[in-house]
Amino acid sequence: MIENLSQQEICKRFDSEFVPLSEDDIVGIALASLNQLPLNALRHPAENGSSGWYIWGGETLSQDKDFFQPFHVHHLVENAPQLIPYLALSPGWRVLLAPNQLDVWYDSSLLKV
């Protein structure tokens, strides 16, 4: 598991079930967009070997079917380390990070896949 203690604290802070990932779990990530702000993440229910997490940078979520690539969680240490504390939030949670801004909220619509 990755950084369980701080992830547990985050889950407790937002009253989320603790649903940790292993380092080999898969997230969908839009690598080409990670240089844009804000950094966004959302979690659908896990399916087909995916953890349910999708991560991208910028204001707009592209509908292009090739926008996200499968990515092992352990690679996030290099590409989006600031999101690691939030990755144990349960399905239905969203995270938005930007300089001087942190928004974490529950969105039940994410559970309807």
PDB file of N, CA and C in Angstrom:
ATOM      1  N   MET A   1       0.840  -1.180   0.000  1.00  0.00           N
ATOM      2  CA  MET A   1       0.000   0.000   0.000  1.00  0.00           C
ATOM      3  C   MET A   1       0.891   1.251   0.000  1.00  0.00           C
ATOM      4  N   ILE A   2       0.342   2.326  -0.511  1.00  0.00           N
ATOM      5  CA  ILE A   2       1.115   3.563  -0.611  1.00  0.00           C
ATOM      6  C   ILE A   2       0.642   4.546   0.464  1.00  0.00           C
ATOM      7  N   GLU A   3       1.546   4.991   1.310  1.00  0.00           N
ATOM      8  CA  GLU A   3       1.297   6.057   2.279  1.00  0.00           C
ATOM      9  C   GLU A   3      -0.039   5.916   3.000  1.00  0.00           C
ATOM     10  N   ASN A   4      -0.267   4.757   3.578  1.00  0.00           N
ATOM     11  CA  ASN A   4      -1.559   4.492   4.200  1.00  0.00           C
ATOM     12  C   ASN A   4      -1.924   5.445   5.325  1.00  0.00           C
ATOM     13  N   LEU A   5      -0.972   5.834   6.150  1.00  0.00           N
ATOM     14  CA  LEU A   5      -1.326   6.668   7.285  1.00  0.00           C
ATOM     15  C   LEU A   5      -1.923   7.994   6.832  1.00  0.00           C
ATOM     16  N   SER A   6      -1.265   8.713   5.939  1.00  0.00           N
ATOM     17  CA  SER A   6      -1.823   9.986   5.509  1.00  0.00           C
ATOM     18  C   SER A   6      -3.101   9.768   4.700  1.00  0.00           C
ATOM     19  N   GLN A   7      -3.182   8.670   3.963  1.00  0.00           N
ATOM     20  CA  GLN A   7      -4.408   8.373   3.234  1.00  0.00           C
ATOM     21  C   GLN A   7      -5.549   8.098   4.206  1.00  0.00           C
ATOM     22  N   GLN A   8      -5.268   7.409   5.295  1.00  0.00           N
ATOM     23  CA  GLN A   8      -6.299   7.163   6.304  1.00  0.00           C
ATOM     24  C   GLN A   8      -6.772   8.475   6.918  1.00  0.00           C
ATOM     25  N   GLU A   9      -5.851   9.373   7.169  1.00  0.00           N
ATOM     26  CA  GLU A   9      -6.210  10.679   7.728  1.00  0.00           C
ATOM     27  C   GLU A   9      -7.091  11.476   6.759  1.00  0.00           C
ATOM     28  N   ILE A  10      -6.752  11.417   5.482  1.00  0.00           N
ATOM     29  CA  ILE A  10      -7.560  12.114   4.468  1.00  0.00           C
ATOM     30  C   ILE A  10      -8.966  11.535   4.427  1.00  0.00           C
ATOM     31  N   CYS A  11      -9.073  10.217   4.425  1.00  0.00           N
ATOM     32  CA  CYS A  11     -10.393   9.573   4.393  1.00  0.00           C
ATOM     33  C   CYS A  11     -11.211   9.947   5.624  1.00  0.00           C
ATOM     34  N   LYS A  12     -10.572   9.971   6.761  1.00  0.00           N
ATOM     35  CA  LYS A  12     -11.278  10.350   7.991  1.00  0.00           C
ATOM     36  C   LYS A  12     -11.732  11.806   7.916  1.00  0.00           C
ATOM     37  N   ARG A  13     -10.863  12.670   7.437  1.00  0.00           N
ATOM     38  CA  ARG A  13     -11.183  14.102   7.326  1.00  0.00           C
ATOM     39  C   ARG A  13     -12.427  14.341   6.470  1.00  0.00           C
ATOM     40  N   PHE A  14     -12.554  13.574   5.376  1.00  0.00           N
ATOM     41  CA  PHE A  14     -13.677  13.780   4.461  1.00  0.00           C
ATOM     42  C   PHE A  14     -14.805  12.769   4.662  1.00  0.00           C
ATOM     43  N   ASP A  15     -14.688  11.963   5.697  1.00  0.00           N
ATOM     44  CA  ASP A  15     -15.721  10.977   6.030  1.00  0.00           C
ATOM     45  C   ASP A  15     -15.951  10.000   4.871  1.00  0.00           C
ATOM     46  N   SER A  16     -14.851   9.526   4.309  1.00  0.00           N
ATOM     47  CA  SER A  16     -14.896   8.549   3.227  1.00  0.00           C
ATOM     48  C   SER A  16     -14.452   7.190   3.750  1.00  0.00           C
ATOM     49  N   GLU A  17     -15.025   6.147   3.197  1.00  0.00           N
ATOM     50  CA  GLU A  17     -14.511   4.809   3.452  1.00  0.00           C
ATOM     51  C   GLU A  17     -13.068   4.761   2.952  1.00  0.00           C
ATOM     52  N   PHE A  18     -12.216   4.031   3.660  1.00  0.00           N
ATOM     53  CA  PHE A  18     -10.814   3.862   3.285  1.00  0.00           C
ATOM     54  C   PHE A  18     -10.717   2.719   2.273  1.00  0.00           C
ATOM     55  N   VAL A  19     -10.408   3.050   1.010  1.00  0.00           N
ATOM     56  CA  VAL A  19     -10.327   2.058  -0.067  1.00  0.00           C
ATOM     57  C   VAL A  19      -8.956   2.215  -0.737  1.00  0.00           C
ATOM     58  N   PRO A  20      -7.907   1.652  -0.107  1.00  0.00           N
ATOM     59  CA  PRO A  20      -6.550   1.863  -0.605  1.00  0.00           C
ATOM     60  C   PRO A  20      -6.256   1.105  -1.896  1.00  0.00           C
ATOM     61  N   LEU A  21      -5.228   1.579  -2.573  1.00  0.00           N
ATOM     62  CA  LEU A  21      -4.737   0.944  -3.796  1.00  0.00           C
ATOM     63  C   LEU A  21      -3.415   0.272  -3.499  1.00  0.00           C
ATOM     64  N   SER A  22      -3.080  -0.716  -4.299  1.00  0.00           N
ATOM     65  CA  SER A  22      -1.725  -1.270  -4.244  1.00  0.00           C
ATOM     66  C   SER A  22      -0.895  -0.547  -5.295  1.00  0.00           C
ATOM     67  N   GLU A  23       0.396  -0.677  -5.192  1.00  0.00           N
ATOM     68  CA  GLU A  23       1.284  -0.005  -6.140  1.00  0.00           C
ATOM     69  C   GLU A  23       1.098  -0.494  -7.572  1.00  0.00           C
ATOM     70  N   ASP A  24       0.557  -1.677  -7.739  1.00  0.00           N
ATOM     71  CA  ASP A  24       0.368  -2.236  -9.078  1.00  0.00           C
ATOM     72  C   ASP A  24      -1.032  -2.023  -9.632  1.00  0.00           C
ATOM     73  N   ASP A  25      -1.908  -1.378  -8.876  1.00  0.00           N
ATOM     74  CA  ASP A  25      -3.237  -1.064  -9.400  1.00  0.00           C
ATOM     75  C   ASP A  25      -3.115  -0.082 -10.557  1.00  0.00           C
ATOM     76  N   ILE A  26      -4.148  -0.060 -11.382  1.00  0.00           N
ATOM     77  CA  ILE A  26      -4.149   0.771 -12.593  1.00  0.00           C
ATOM     78  C   ILE A  26      -5.060   1.978 -12.409  1.00  0.00           C
ATOM     79  N   VAL A  27      -4.558   3.138 -12.820  1.00  0.00           N
ATOM     80  CA  VAL A  27      -5.361   4.353 -12.912  1.00  0.00           C
ATOM     81  C   VAL A  27      -5.375   4.769 -14.382  1.00  0.00           C
ATOM     82  N   GLY A  28      -6.361   5.555 -14.760  1.00  0.00           N
ATOM     83  CA  GLY A  28      -6.358   6.165 -16.079  1.00  0.00           C
ATOM     84  C   GLY A  28      -5.750   7.544 -15.926  1.00  0.00           C
ATOM     85  N   ILE A  29      -4.755   7.853 -16.731  1.00  0.00           N
ATOM     86  CA  ILE A  29      -4.083   9.144 -16.591  1.00  0.00           C
ATOM     87  C   ILE A  29      -3.868   9.767 -17.964  1.00  0.00           C
ATOM     88  N   ALA A  30      -4.054  11.061 -18.035  1.00  0.00           N
ATOM     89  CA  ALA A  30      -3.800  11.818 -19.261  1.00  0.00           C
ATOM     90  C   ALA A  30      -2.439  12.487 -19.097  1.00  0.00           C
ATOM     91  N   LEU A  31      -1.383  11.729 -19.363  1.00  0.00           N
ATOM     92  CA  LEU A  31      -0.022  12.212 -19.128  1.00  0.00           C
ATOM     93  C   LEU A  31       0.275  13.533 -19.830  1.00  0.00           C
ATOM     94  N   ALA A  32      -0.174  13.677 -21.059  1.00  0.00           N
ATOM     95  CA  ALA A  32       0.139  14.879 -21.832  1.00  0.00           C
ATOM     96  C   ALA A  32      -0.472  16.141 -21.240  1.00  0.00           C
ATOM     97  N   SER A  33      -1.468  15.980 -20.365  1.00  0.00           N
ATOM     98  CA  SER A  33      -2.140  17.154 -19.803  1.00  0.00           C
ATOM     99  C   SER A  33      -1.645  17.528 -18.408  1.00  0.00           C
ATOM    100  N   LEU A  34      -0.768  16.744 -17.817  1.00  0.00           N
ATOM    101  CA  LEU A  34      -0.383  16.972 -16.424  1.00  0.00           C
ATOM    102  C   LEU A  34       0.379  18.263 -16.180  1.00  0.00           C
ATOM    103  N   ASN A  35       0.846  18.909 -17.238  1.00  0.00           N
ATOM    104  CA  ASN A  35       1.521  20.196 -17.077  1.00  0.00           C
ATOM    105  C   ASN A  35       0.529  21.351 -16.972  1.00  0.00           C
ATOM    106  N   GLN A  36      -0.749  21.065 -17.095  1.00  0.00           N
ATOM    107  CA  GLN A  36      -1.797  22.090 -17.007  1.00  0.00           C
ATOM    108  C   GLN A  36      -2.429  22.083 -15.609  1.00  0.00           C
ATOM    109  N   LEU A  37      -2.942  23.230 -15.214  1.00  0.00           N
ATOM    110  CA  LEU A  37      -3.635  23.350 -13.935  1.00  0.00           C
ATOM    111  C   LEU A  37      -5.093  23.656 -14.177  1.00  0.00           C
ATOM    112  N   PRO A  38      -5.949  23.233 -13.292  1.00  0.00           N
ATOM    113  CA  PRO A  38      -5.692  22.476 -12.079  1.00  0.00           C
ATOM    114  C   PRO A  38      -5.457  21.002 -12.386  1.00  0.00           C
ATOM    115  N   LEU A  39      -4.963  20.293 -11.385  1.00  0.00           N
ATOM    116  CA  LEU A  39      -4.818  18.844 -11.473  1.00  0.00           C
ATOM    117  C   LEU A  39      -6.114  18.240 -10.937  1.00  0.00           C
ATOM    118  N   ASN A  40      -6.722  17.361 -11.716  1.00  0.00           N
ATOM    119  CA  ASN A  40      -8.028  16.781 -11.384  1.00  0.00           C
ATOM    120  C   ASN A  40      -7.923  15.274 -11.222  1.00  0.00           C
ATOM    121  N   ALA A  41      -8.750  14.737 -10.337  1.00  0.00           N
ATOM    122  CA  ALA A  41      -8.845  13.286 -10.183  1.00  0.00           C
ATOM    123  C   ALA A  41     -10.277  12.958  -9.784  1.00  0.00           C
ATOM    124  N   LEU A  42     -10.784  11.857 -10.297  1.00  0.00           N
ATOM    125  CA  LEU A  42     -12.103  11.375  -9.895  1.00  0.00           C
ATOM    126  C   LEU A  42     -12.066   9.866  -9.859  1.00  0.00           C
ATOM    127  N   ARG A  43     -12.956   9.314  -9.010  1.00  0.00           N
ATOM    128  CA  ARG A  43     -12.954   7.852  -8.856  1.00  0.00           C
ATOM    129  C   ARG A  43     -14.328   7.261  -9.106  1.00  0.00           C
ATOM    130  N   HIS A  44     -14.390   6.455 -10.160  1.00  0.00           N
ATOM    131  CA  HIS A  44     -15.562   5.639 -10.454  1.00  0.00           C
ATOM    132  C   HIS A  44     -15.389   4.303  -9.710  1.00  0.00           C
ATOM    133  N   PRO A  45     -16.411   3.474  -9.655  1.00  0.00           N
ATOM    134  CA  PRO A  45     -16.222   2.130  -9.114  1.00  0.00           C
ATOM    135  C   PRO A  45     -15.181   1.370  -9.949  1.00  0.00           C
ATOM    136  N   ALA A  46     -14.402   0.538  -9.293  1.00  0.00           N
ATOM    137  CA  ALA A  46     -13.394  -0.262  -9.993  1.00  0.00           C
ATOM    138  C   ALA A  46     -14.068  -1.253 -10.925  1.00  0.00           C
ATOM    139  N   GLU A  47     -13.479  -1.438 -12.114  1.00  0.00           N
ATOM    140  CA  GLU A  47     -13.979  -2.447 -13.047  1.00  0.00           C
ATOM    141  C   GLU A  47     -12.911  -2.768 -14.074  1.00  0.00           C
ATOM    142  N   ASN A  48     -12.966  -3.968 -14.594  1.00  0.00           N
ATOM    143  CA  ASN A  48     -12.060  -4.425 -15.651  1.00  0.00           C
ATOM    144  C   ASN A  48     -10.589  -4.189 -15.319  1.00  0.00           C
ATOM    145  N   GLY A  49     -10.210  -4.407 -14.073  1.00  0.00           N
ATOM    146  CA  GLY A  49      -8.818  -4.256 -13.680  1.00  0.00           C
ATOM    147  C   GLY A  49      -8.381  -2.843 -13.368  1.00  0.00           C
ATOM    148  N   SER A  50      -9.276  -1.889 -13.478  1.00  0.00           N
ATOM    149  CA  SER A  50      -8.952  -0.504 -13.171  1.00  0.00           C
ATOM    150  C   SER A  50      -9.370  -0.181 -11.742  1.00  0.00           C
ATOM    151  N   SER A  51      -8.633   0.724 -11.104  1.00  0.00           N
ATOM    152  CA  SER A  51      -8.963   1.166  -9.749  1.00  0.00           C
ATOM    153  C   SER A  51     -10.169   2.101  -9.731  1.00  0.00           C
ATOM    154  N   GLY A  52     -10.524   2.629 -10.904  1.00  0.00           N
ATOM    155  CA  GLY A  52     -11.607   3.603 -10.993  1.00  0.00           C
ATOM    156  C   GLY A  52     -11.127   5.040 -11.009  1.00  0.00           C
ATOM    157  N   TRP A  53      -9.853   5.273 -10.680  1.00  0.00           N
ATOM    158  CA  TRP A  53      -9.314   6.638 -10.668  1.00  0.00           C
ATOM    159  C   TRP A  53      -8.938   7.093 -12.077  1.00  0.00           C
ATOM    160  N   TYR A  54      -9.289   8.351 -12.370  1.00  0.00           N
ATOM    161  CA  TYR A  54      -8.905   9.009 -13.621  1.00  0.00           C
ATOM    162  C   TYR A  54      -8.305  10.354 -13.254  1.00  0.00           C
ATOM    163  N   ILE A  55      -7.151  10.660 -13.842  1.00  0.00           N
ATOM    164  CA  ILE A  55      -6.364  11.834 -13.475  1.00  0.00           C
ATOM    165  C   ILE A  55      -6.006  12.609 -14.735  1.00  0.00           C
ATOM    166  N   TRP A  56      -6.188  13.931 -14.681  1.00  0.00           N
ATOM    167  CA  TRP A  56      -5.825  14.792 -15.807  1.00  0.00           C
ATOM    168  C   TRP A  56      -5.538  16.200 -15.313  1.00  0.00           C
ATOM    169  N   GLY A  57      -4.885  16.974 -16.159  1.00  0.00           N
ATOM    170  CA  GLY A  57      -4.613  18.372 -15.866  1.00  0.00           C
ATOM    171  C   GLY A  57      -5.419  19.266 -16.790  1.00  0.00           C
ATOM    172  N   GLY A  58      -5.757  20.455 -16.287  1.00  0.00           N
ATOM    173  CA  GLY A  58      -6.466  21.437 -17.096  1.00  0.00           C
ATOM    174  C   GLY A  58      -7.920  21.573 -16.714  1.00  0.00           C
ATOM    175  N   GLU A  59      -8.550  22.559 -17.308  1.00  0.00           N
ATOM    176  CA  GLU A  59      -9.939  22.889 -16.994  1.00  0.00           C
ATOM    177  C   GLU A  59     -10.951  21.937 -17.629  1.00  0.00           C
ATOM    178  N   THR A  60     -10.574  21.292 -18.735  1.00  0.00           N
ATOM    179  CA  THR A  60     -11.537  20.518 -19.507  1.00  0.00           C
ATOM    180  C   THR A  60     -11.186  19.039 -19.524  1.00  0.00           C
ATOM    181  N   LEU A  61     -12.182  18.229 -19.286  1.00  0.00           N
ATOM    182  CA  LEU A  61     -12.037  16.777 -19.396  1.00  0.00           C
ATOM    183  C   LEU A  61     -12.379  16.390 -20.831  1.00  0.00           C
ATOM    184  N   SER A  62     -11.387  15.912 -21.555  1.00  0.00           N
ATOM    185  CA  SER A  62     -11.593  15.543 -22.955  1.00  0.00           C
ATOM    186  C   SER A  62     -12.475  14.300 -23.061  1.00  0.00           C
ATOM    187  N   GLN A  63     -13.286  14.251 -24.085  1.00  0.00           N
ATOM    188  CA  GLN A  63     -14.112  13.079 -24.372  1.00  0.00           C
ATOM    189  C   GLN A  63     -13.434  12.139 -25.370  1.00  0.00           C
ATOM    190  N   ASP A  64     -12.216  12.489 -25.798  1.00  0.00           N
ATOM    191  CA  ASP A  64     -11.448  11.650 -26.718  1.00  0.00           C
ATOM    192  C   ASP A  64     -11.192  10.294 -26.073  1.00  0.00           C
ATOM    193  N   LYS A  65     -11.495   9.217 -26.772  1.00  0.00           N
ATOM    194  CA  LYS A  65     -11.362   7.874 -26.194  1.00  0.00           C
ATOM    195  C   LYS A  65      -9.910   7.528 -25.870  1.00  0.00           C
ATOM    196  N   ASP A  66      -8.942   8.244 -26.425  1.00  0.00           N
ATOM    197  CA  ASP A  66      -7.531   7.995 -26.155  1.00  0.00           C
ATOM    198  C   ASP A  66      -6.927   8.999 -25.171  1.00  0.00           C
ATOM    199  N   PHE A  67      -7.779   9.803 -24.519  1.00  0.00           N
ATOM    200  CA  PHE A  67      -7.298  10.829 -23.588  1.00  0.00           C
ATOM    201  C   PHE A  67      -6.555  10.204 -22.411  1.00  0.00           C
ATOM    202  N   PHE A  68      -7.099   9.122 -21.857  1.00  0.00           N
ATOM    203  CA  PHE A  68      -6.493   8.444 -20.706  1.00  0.00           C
ATOM    204  C   PHE A  68      -5.716   7.213 -21.151  1.00  0.00           C
ATOM    205  N   GLN A  69      -4.585   6.999 -20.488  1.00  0.00           N
ATOM    206  CA  GLN A  69      -3.796   5.804 -20.706  1.00  0.00           C
ATOM    207  C   GLN A  69      -3.740   5.030 -19.384  1.00  0.00           C
ATOM    208  N   PRO A  70      -3.669   3.693 -19.445  1.00  0.00           N
ATOM    209  CA  PRO A  70      -3.522   2.916 -18.218  1.00  0.00           C
ATOM    210  C   PRO A  70      -2.128   3.147 -17.626  1.00  0.00           C
ATOM    211  N   PHE A  71      -2.082   3.232 -16.302  1.00  0.00           N
ATOM    212  CA  PHE A  71      -0.855   3.631 -15.622  1.00  0.00           C
ATOM    213  C   PHE A  71      -0.831   2.968 -14.254  1.00  0.00           C
ATOM    214  N   HIS A  72       0.283   2.380 -13.870  1.00  0.00           N
ATOM    215  CA  HIS A  72       0.396   1.789 -12.541  1.00  0.00           C
ATOM    216  C   HIS A  72       0.526   2.888 -11.484  1.00  0.00           C
ATOM    217  N   VAL A  73      -0.086   2.659 -10.356  1.00  0.00           N
ATOM    218  CA  VAL A  73      -0.071   3.633  -9.263  1.00  0.00           C
ATOM    219  C   VAL A  73       1.351   4.008  -8.868  1.00  0.00           C
ATOM    220  N   HIS A  74       2.274   3.065  -8.854  1.00  0.00           N
ATOM    221  CA  HIS A  74       3.634   3.390  -8.392  1.00  0.00           C
ATOM    222  C   HIS A  74       4.314   4.437  -9.267  1.00  0.00           C
ATOM    223  N   HIS A  75       3.858   4.640 -10.494  1.00  0.00           N
ATOM    224  CA  HIS A  75       4.425   5.681 -11.350  1.00  0.00           C
ATOM    225  C   HIS A  75       3.922   7.081 -10.993  1.00  0.00           C
ATOM    226  N   LEU A  76       2.883   7.164 -10.191  1.00  0.00           N
ATOM    227  CA  LEU A  76       2.369   8.476  -9.797  1.00  0.00           C
ATOM    228  C   LEU A  76       3.354   9.234  -8.911  1.00  0.00           C
ATOM    229  N   VAL A  77       4.238   8.517  -8.245  1.00  0.00           N
ATOM    230  CA  VAL A  77       5.246   9.168  -7.414  1.00  0.00           C
ATOM    231  C   VAL A  77       6.063  10.143  -8.261  1.00  0.00           C
ATOM    232  N   GLU A  78       6.301   9.794  -9.505  1.00  0.00           N
ATOM    233  CA  GLU A  78       7.078  10.641 -10.414  1.00  0.00           C
ATOM    234  C   GLU A  78       6.205  11.668 -11.137  1.00  0.00           C
ATOM    235  N   ASN A  79       4.954  11.323 -11.414  1.00  0.00           N
ATOM    236  CA  ASN A  79       4.127  12.139 -12.302  1.00  0.00           C
ATOM    237  C   ASN A  79       3.057  12.979 -11.618  1.00  0.00           C
ATOM    238  N   ALA A  80       2.544  12.530 -10.494  1.00  0.00           N
ATOM    239  CA  ALA A  80       1.503  13.301  -9.782  1.00  0.00           C
ATOM    240  C   ALA A  80       1.551  12.968  -8.288  1.00  0.00           C
ATOM    241  N   PRO A  81       2.702  13.194  -7.641  1.00  0.00           N
ATOM    242  CA  PRO A  81       2.844  12.804  -6.235  1.00  0.00           C
ATOM    243  C   PRO A  81       1.877  13.522  -5.299  1.00  0.00           C
ATOM    244  N   GLN A  82       1.445  14.696  -5.666  1.00  0.00           N
ATOM    245  CA  GLN A  82       0.539  15.464  -4.809  1.00  0.00           C
ATOM    246  C   GLN A  82      -0.837  14.808  -4.669  1.00  0.00           C
ATOM    247  N   LEU A  83      -1.167  13.880  -5.557  1.00  0.00           N
ATOM    248  CA  LEU A  83      -2.454  13.179  -5.476  1.00  0.00           C
ATOM    249  C   LEU A  83      -2.420  11.927  -4.612  1.00  0.00           C
ATOM    250  N   ILE A  84      -1.248  11.404  -4.330  1.00  0.00           N
ATOM    251  CA  ILE A  84      -1.143  10.132  -3.618  1.00  0.00           C
ATOM    252  C   ILE A  84      -1.912  10.120  -2.290  1.00  0.00           C
ATOM    253  N   PRO A  85      -1.890  11.180  -1.486  1.00  0.00           N
ATOM    254  CA  PRO A  85      -2.642  11.129  -0.231  1.00  0.00           C
ATOM    255  C   PRO A  85      -4.150  10.945  -0.403  1.00  0.00           C
ATOM    256  N   TYR A  86      -4.679  11.229  -1.577  1.00  0.00           N
ATOM    257  CA  TYR A  86      -6.128  11.186  -1.812  1.00  0.00           C
ATOM    258  C   TYR A  86      -6.595   9.874  -2.457  1.00  0.00           C
ATOM    259  N   LEU A  87      -5.678   9.003  -2.817  1.00  0.00           N
ATOM    260  CA  LEU A  87      -6.029   7.826  -3.612  1.00  0.00           C
ATOM    261  C   LEU A  87      -6.768   6.721  -2.856  1.00  0.00           C
ATOM    262  N   ALA A  88      -6.929   6.850  -1.559  1.00  0.00           N
ATOM    263  CA  ALA A  88      -7.710   5.856  -0.813  1.00  0.00           C
ATOM    264  C   ALA A  88      -9.151   6.312  -0.612  1.00  0.00           C
ATOM    265  N   LEU A  89      -9.503   7.508  -1.113  1.00  0.00           N
ATOM    266  CA  LEU A  89     -10.906   7.929  -1.065  1.00  0.00           C
ATOM    267  C   LEU A  89     -11.732   6.934  -1.862  1.00  0.00           C
ATOM    268  N   SER A  90     -12.919   6.659  -1.410  1.00  0.00           N
ATOM    269  CA  SER A  90     -13.755   5.649  -2.051  1.00  0.00           C
ATOM    270  C   SER A  90     -14.331   6.154  -3.378  1.00  0.00           C
ATOM    271  N   PRO A  91     -14.860   5.250  -4.193  1.00  0.00           N
ATOM    272  CA  PRO A  91     -15.511   5.678  -5.431  1.00  0.00           C
ATOM    273  C   PRO A  91     -16.575   6.735  -5.148  1.00  0.00           C
ATOM    274  N   GLY A  92     -16.627   7.708  -6.053  1.00  0.00           N
ATOM    275  CA  GLY A  92     -17.565   8.822  -5.913  1.00  0.00           C
ATOM    276  C   GLY A  92     -16.885  10.124  -5.517  1.00  0.00           C
ATOM    277  N   TRP A  93     -15.613  10.079  -5.212  1.00  0.00           N
ATOM    278  CA  TRP A  93     -14.901  11.283  -4.781  1.00  0.00           C
ATOM    279  C   TRP A  93     -14.156  11.939  -5.930  1.00  0.00           C
ATOM    280  N   ARG A  94     -14.040  13.259  -5.831  1.00  0.00           N
ATOM    281  CA  ARG A  94     -13.290  14.086  -6.777  1.00  0.00           C
ATOM    282  C   ARG A  94     -12.275  14.918  -6.008  1.00  0.00           C
ATOM    283  N   VAL A  95     -11.170  15.233  -6.684  1.00  0.00           N
ATOM    284  CA  VAL A  95     -10.126  16.078  -6.112  1.00  0.00           C
ATOM    285  C   VAL A  95      -9.692  17.074  -7.175  1.00  0.00           C
ATOM    286  N   LEU A  96      -9.507  18.323  -6.770  1.00  0.00           N
ATOM    287  CA  LEU A  96      -8.990  19.356  -7.653  1.00  0.00           C
ATOM    288  C   LEU A  96      -7.880  20.073  -6.890  1.00  0.00           C
ATOM    289  N   LEU A  97      -6.681  20.096  -7.474  1.00  0.00           N
ATOM    290  CA  LEU A  97      -5.523  20.737  -6.855  1.00  0.00           C
ATOM    291  C   LEU A  97      -4.960  21.805  -7.781  1.00  0.00           C
ATOM    292  N   ALA A  98      -4.691  22.965  -7.205  1.00  0.00           N
ATOM    293  CA  ALA A  98      -4.041  24.060  -7.912  1.00  0.00           C
ATOM    294  C   ALA A  98      -3.299  24.874  -6.850  1.00  0.00           C
ATOM    295  N   PRO A  99      -2.406  25.772  -7.250  1.00  0.00           N
ATOM    296  CA  PRO A  99      -1.738  26.593  -6.239  1.00  0.00           C
ATOM    297  C   PRO A  99      -2.770  27.303  -5.361  1.00  0.00           C
ATOM    298  N   ASN A 100      -2.613  27.164  -4.077  1.00  0.00           N
ATOM    299  CA  ASN A 100      -3.502  27.788  -3.086  1.00  0.00           C
ATOM    300  C   ASN A 100      -4.947  27.327  -3.196  1.00  0.00           C
ATOM    301  N   GLN A 101      -5.173  26.156  -3.751  1.00  0.00           N
ATOM    302  CA  GLN A 101      -6.542  25.646  -3.874  1.00  0.00           C
ATOM    303  C   GLN A 101      -6.546  24.130  -3.714  1.00  0.00           C
ATOM    304  N   LEU A 102      -7.460  23.665  -2.873  1.00  0.00           N
ATOM    305  CA  LEU A 102      -7.718  22.240  -2.702  1.00  0.00           C
ATOM    306  C   LEU A 102      -9.215  22.084  -2.567  1.00  0.00           C
ATOM    307  N   ASP A 103      -9.813  21.344  -3.477  1.00  0.00           N
ATOM    308  CA  ASP A 103     -11.235  21.021  -3.406  1.00  0.00           C
ATOM    309  C   ASP A 103     -11.358  19.509  -3.440  1.00  0.00           C
ATOM    310  N   VAL A 104     -12.056  18.957  -2.465  1.00  0.00           N
ATOM    311  CA  VAL A 104     -12.328  17.531  -2.386  1.00  0.00           C
ATOM    312  C   VAL A 104     -13.812  17.412  -2.104  1.00  0.00           C
ATOM    313  N   TRP A 105     -14.540  16.697  -2.975  1.00  0.00           N
ATOM    314  CA  TRP A 105     -15.975  16.589  -2.777  1.00  0.00           C
ATOM    315  C   TRP A 105     -16.500  15.261  -3.305  1.00  0.00           C
ATOM    316  N   TYR A 106     -17.645  14.884  -2.748  1.00  0.00           N
ATOM    317  CA  TYR A 106     -18.301  13.653  -3.136  1.00  0.00           C
ATOM    318  C   TYR A 106     -19.297  13.948  -4.251  1.00  0.00           C
ATOM    319  N   ASP A 107     -19.288  13.130  -5.288  1.00  0.00           N
ATOM    320  CA  ASP A 107     -20.175  13.291  -6.437  1.00  0.00           C
ATOM    321  C   ASP A 107     -20.821  11.932  -6.747  1.00  0.00           C
ATOM    322  N   SER A 108     -22.021  11.736  -6.270  1.00  0.00           N
ATOM    323  CA  SER A 108     -22.685  10.431  -6.427  1.00  0.00           C
ATOM    324  C   SER A 108     -22.890  10.038  -7.889  1.00  0.00           C
ATOM    325  N   SER A 109     -22.866  11.010  -8.797  1.00  0.00           N
ATOM    326  CA  SER A 109     -23.034  10.675 -10.217  1.00  0.00           C
ATOM    327  C   SER A 109     -21.892   9.806 -10.731  1.00  0.00           C
ATOM    328  N   LEU A 110     -20.740   9.828 -10.068  1.00  0.00           N
ATOM    329  CA  LEU A 110     -19.606   9.007 -10.486  1.00  0.00           C
ATOM    330  C   LEU A 110     -19.855   7.521 -10.258  1.00  0.00           C
ATOM    331  N   LEU A 111     -20.826   7.204  -9.439  1.00  0.00           N
ATOM    332  CA  LEU A 111     -21.128   5.805  -9.143  1.00  0.00           C
ATOM    333  C   LEU A 111     -21.974   5.157 -10.223  1.00  0.00           C
ATOM    334  N   LYS A 112     -22.536   5.965 -11.120  1.00  0.00           N
ATOM    335  CA  LYS A 112     -23.381   5.472 -12.217  1.00  0.00           C
ATOM    336  C   LYS A 112     -22.559   5.374 -13.474  1.00  0.00           C
ATOM    337  N   VAL A 113     -21.932   4.231 -13.660  1.00  0.00           N
ATOM    338  CA  VAL A 113     -21.041   4.054 -14.825  1.00  0.00           C
ATOM    339  C   VAL A 113     -21.780   3.317 -15.898  1.00  0.00           C
TER     340      VAL A 113
END
